[in-house]
Amino acid sequence: MERNTFKENAKSEIDKIFAKIDEHEAKKDNAKAETKERYNKKIAELKSKKDELQSKYNDLVNTTDENWEETKKSFSESTEYFKNGFKELFTLFSK
């Protein structure tokens, strides 16, 4: 994938992730009592990683050619963390 295209897709991905965190936070009040604590904990965990993801995105935008592949991989791994977190939230919410 071309570097600029990857950056554009990364920005779109980060916007989606941040919106999903907000969306899930709004839903937390509808969670069943027994899962609410775990749900809140997972949301807090994801929110605490937002700054880290933003930092990785900034690194991606500003990286040199020689560090591109490593920075791209680091960003991709970070977005996977959020995707897995959202899956966990979905599972908790659907119980």
C-alpha atoms as a PDB file:
ATOM      1  CA  MET A   1       0.000   0.000   0.000  1.00  0.00           C
ATOM      2  CA  GLU A   2       1.287   3.428  -0.886  1.00  0.00           C
ATOM      3  CA  ARG A   3       2.502   5.469   2.071  1.00  0.00           C
ATOM      4  CA  ASN A   4       0.039   8.363   1.618  1.00  0.00           C
ATOM      5  CA  THR A   5      -2.869   5.979   1.181  1.00  0.00           C
ATOM      6  CA  PHE A   6      -1.882   4.167   4.351  1.00  0.00           C
ATOM      7  CA  LYS A   7      -1.714   7.473   6.240  1.00  0.00           C
ATOM      8  CA  GLU A   8      -5.172   8.461   4.998  1.00  0.00           C
ATOM      9  CA  ASN A   9      -6.580   5.074   5.981  1.00  0.00           C
ATOM     10  CA  ALA A  10      -4.844   5.329   9.351  1.00  0.00           C
ATOM     11  CA  LYS A  11      -6.480   8.700  10.027  1.00  0.00           C
ATOM     12  CA  SER A  12      -9.859   7.267   9.106  1.00  0.00           C
ATOM     13  CA  GLU A  13      -9.221   4.265  11.367  1.00  0.00           C
ATOM     14  CA  ILE A  14      -8.233   6.420  14.325  1.00  0.00           C
ATOM     15  CA  ASP A  15     -11.364   8.569  13.898  1.00  0.00           C
ATOM     16  CA  LYS A  16     -13.526   5.425  13.840  1.00  0.00           C
ATOM     17  CA  ILE A  17     -11.826   4.038  16.946  1.00  0.00           C
ATOM     18  CA  PHE A  18     -12.312   7.240  18.913  1.00  0.00           C
ATOM     19  CA  ALA A  19     -15.970   7.430  17.823  1.00  0.00           C
ATOM     20  CA  LYS A  20     -16.525   3.807  18.849  1.00  0.00           C
ATOM     21  CA  ILE A  21     -15.097   4.483  22.290  1.00  0.00           C
ATOM     22  CA  ASP A  22     -17.565   7.341  22.708  1.00  0.00           C
ATOM     23  CA  GLU A  23     -20.386   5.163  21.374  1.00  0.00           C
ATOM     24  CA  HIS A  24     -19.613   2.353  23.796  1.00  0.00           C
ATOM     25  CA  GLU A  25     -19.310   4.756  26.687  1.00  0.00           C
ATOM     26  CA  ALA A  26     -22.810   6.028  25.908  1.00  0.00           C
ATOM     27  CA  LYS A  27     -24.132   2.444  25.905  1.00  0.00           C
ATOM     28  CA  LYS A  28     -22.607   1.479  29.236  1.00  0.00           C
ATOM     29  CA  ASP A  29     -25.668   2.570  31.194  1.00  0.00           C
ATOM     30  CA  ASN A  30     -27.722  -0.034  29.335  1.00  0.00           C
ATOM     31  CA  ALA A  31     -25.437  -2.906  30.336  1.00  0.00           C
ATOM     32  CA  LYS A  32     -26.753  -5.484  32.757  1.00  0.00           C
ATOM     33  CA  ALA A  33     -25.668  -4.866  36.328  1.00  0.00           C
ATOM     34  CA  GLU A  34     -23.405  -7.918  36.515  1.00  0.00           C
ATOM     35  CA  THR A  35     -21.457  -6.928  33.403  1.00  0.00           C
ATOM     36  CA  LYS A  36     -21.487  -3.170  33.947  1.00  0.00           C
ATOM     37  CA  GLU A  37     -18.326  -3.165  36.077  1.00  0.00           C
ATOM     38  CA  ARG A  38     -16.351  -5.190  33.506  1.00  0.00           C
ATOM     39  CA  TYR A  39     -17.764  -3.056  30.699  1.00  0.00           C
ATOM     40  CA  ASN A  40     -16.739   0.163  32.482  1.00  0.00           C
ATOM     41  CA  LYS A  41     -13.283  -1.241  33.156  1.00  0.00           C
ATOM     42  CA  LYS A  42     -12.753  -2.137  29.484  1.00  0.00           C
ATOM     43  CA  ILE A  43     -13.941   1.283  28.311  1.00  0.00           C
ATOM     44  CA  ALA A  44     -11.572   2.972  30.769  1.00  0.00           C
ATOM     45  CA  GLU A  45      -8.744   0.768  29.488  1.00  0.00           C
ATOM     46  CA  LEU A  46      -9.467   1.710  25.871  1.00  0.00           C
ATOM     47  CA  LYS A  47      -9.766   5.396  26.713  1.00  0.00           C
ATOM     48  CA  SER A  48      -6.421   5.295  28.489  1.00  0.00           C
ATOM     49  CA  LYS A  49      -4.830   3.963  25.289  1.00  0.00           C
ATOM     50  CA  LYS A  50      -6.259   6.745  23.083  1.00  0.00           C
ATOM     51  CA  ASP A  51      -3.272   9.019  23.676  1.00  0.00           C
ATOM     52  CA  GLU A  52      -0.902   6.182  22.854  1.00  0.00           C
ATOM     53  CA  LEU A  53      -2.733   5.500  19.601  1.00  0.00           C
ATOM     54  CA  GLN A  54      -2.709   9.202  18.722  1.00  0.00           C
ATOM     55  CA  SER A  55       1.028   9.267  19.405  1.00  0.00           C
ATOM     56  CA  LYS A  56       1.584   6.258  17.145  1.00  0.00           C
ATOM     57  CA  TYR A  57      -0.430   7.989  14.436  1.00  0.00           C
ATOM     58  CA  ASN A  58       1.671  11.141  14.821  1.00  0.00           C
ATOM     59  CA  ASP A  59       4.802   8.993  14.545  1.00  0.00           C
ATOM     60  CA  LEU A  60       3.363   7.440  11.399  1.00  0.00           C
ATOM     61  CA  VAL A  61       2.717  10.813   9.808  1.00  0.00           C
ATOM     62  CA  ASN A  62       6.164  12.140  10.682  1.00  0.00           C
ATOM     63  CA  THR A  63       8.332   9.049  10.221  1.00  0.00           C
ATOM     64  CA  THR A  64      11.286   8.847   7.895  1.00  0.00           C
ATOM     65  CA  ASP A  65      11.500   6.439   4.979  1.00  0.00           C
ATOM     66  CA  GLU A  66      13.940   4.255   6.867  1.00  0.00           C
ATOM     67  CA  ASN A  67      11.548   3.857   9.829  1.00  0.00           C
ATOM     68  CA  TRP A  68       8.346   3.595   7.783  1.00  0.00           C
ATOM     69  CA  GLU A  69       7.794  -0.175   7.943  1.00  0.00           C
ATOM     70  CA  GLU A  70       8.480  -0.376  11.684  1.00  0.00           C
ATOM     71  CA  THR A  71       6.233   2.609  12.447  1.00  0.00           C
ATOM     72  CA  LYS A  72       3.490   1.264  10.182  1.00  0.00           C
ATOM     73  CA  LYS A  73       3.632  -2.104  11.951  1.00  0.00           C
ATOM     74  CA  SER A  74       3.490  -0.468  15.386  1.00  0.00           C
ATOM     75  CA  PHE A  75       0.423   1.570  14.403  1.00  0.00           C
ATOM     76  CA  SER A  76      -1.309  -1.474  12.910  1.00  0.00           C
ATOM     77  CA  GLU A  77      -0.701  -3.504  16.070  1.00  0.00           C
ATOM     78  CA  SER A  78      -2.148  -0.707  18.151  1.00  0.00           C
ATOM     79  CA  THR A  79      -5.323  -0.556  16.062  1.00  0.00           C
ATOM     80  CA  GLU A  80      -5.683  -4.337  16.416  1.00  0.00           C
ATOM     81  CA  TYR A  81      -5.660  -3.869  20.195  1.00  0.00           C
ATOM     82  CA  PHE A  82      -8.688  -1.582  19.870  1.00  0.00           C
ATOM     83  CA  LYS A  83     -10.499  -3.909  17.481  1.00  0.00           C
ATOM     84  CA  ASN A  84     -10.074  -6.758  19.956  1.00  0.00           C
ATOM     85  CA  GLY A  85     -11.225  -4.500  22.780  1.00  0.00           C
ATOM     86  CA  PHE A  86     -14.386  -3.600  20.880  1.00  0.00           C
ATOM     87  CA  LYS A  87     -15.089  -7.278  20.259  1.00  0.00           C
ATOM     88  CA  GLU A  88     -14.780  -7.873  23.992  1.00  0.00           C
ATOM     89  CA  LEU A  89     -17.164  -4.996  24.718  1.00  0.00           C
ATOM     90  CA  PHE A  90     -19.654  -6.359  22.213  1.00  0.00           C
ATOM     91  CA  THR A  91     -19.482  -9.755  23.888  1.00  0.00           C
ATOM     92  CA  LEU A  92     -20.010  -8.234  27.328  1.00  0.00           C
ATOM     93  CA  PHE A  93     -22.882  -6.079  26.143  1.00  0.00           C
ATOM     94  CA  SER A  94     -24.688  -8.928  24.406  1.00  0.00           C
ATOM     95  CA  LYS A  95     -24.724 -11.142  27.515  1.00  0.00           C
END
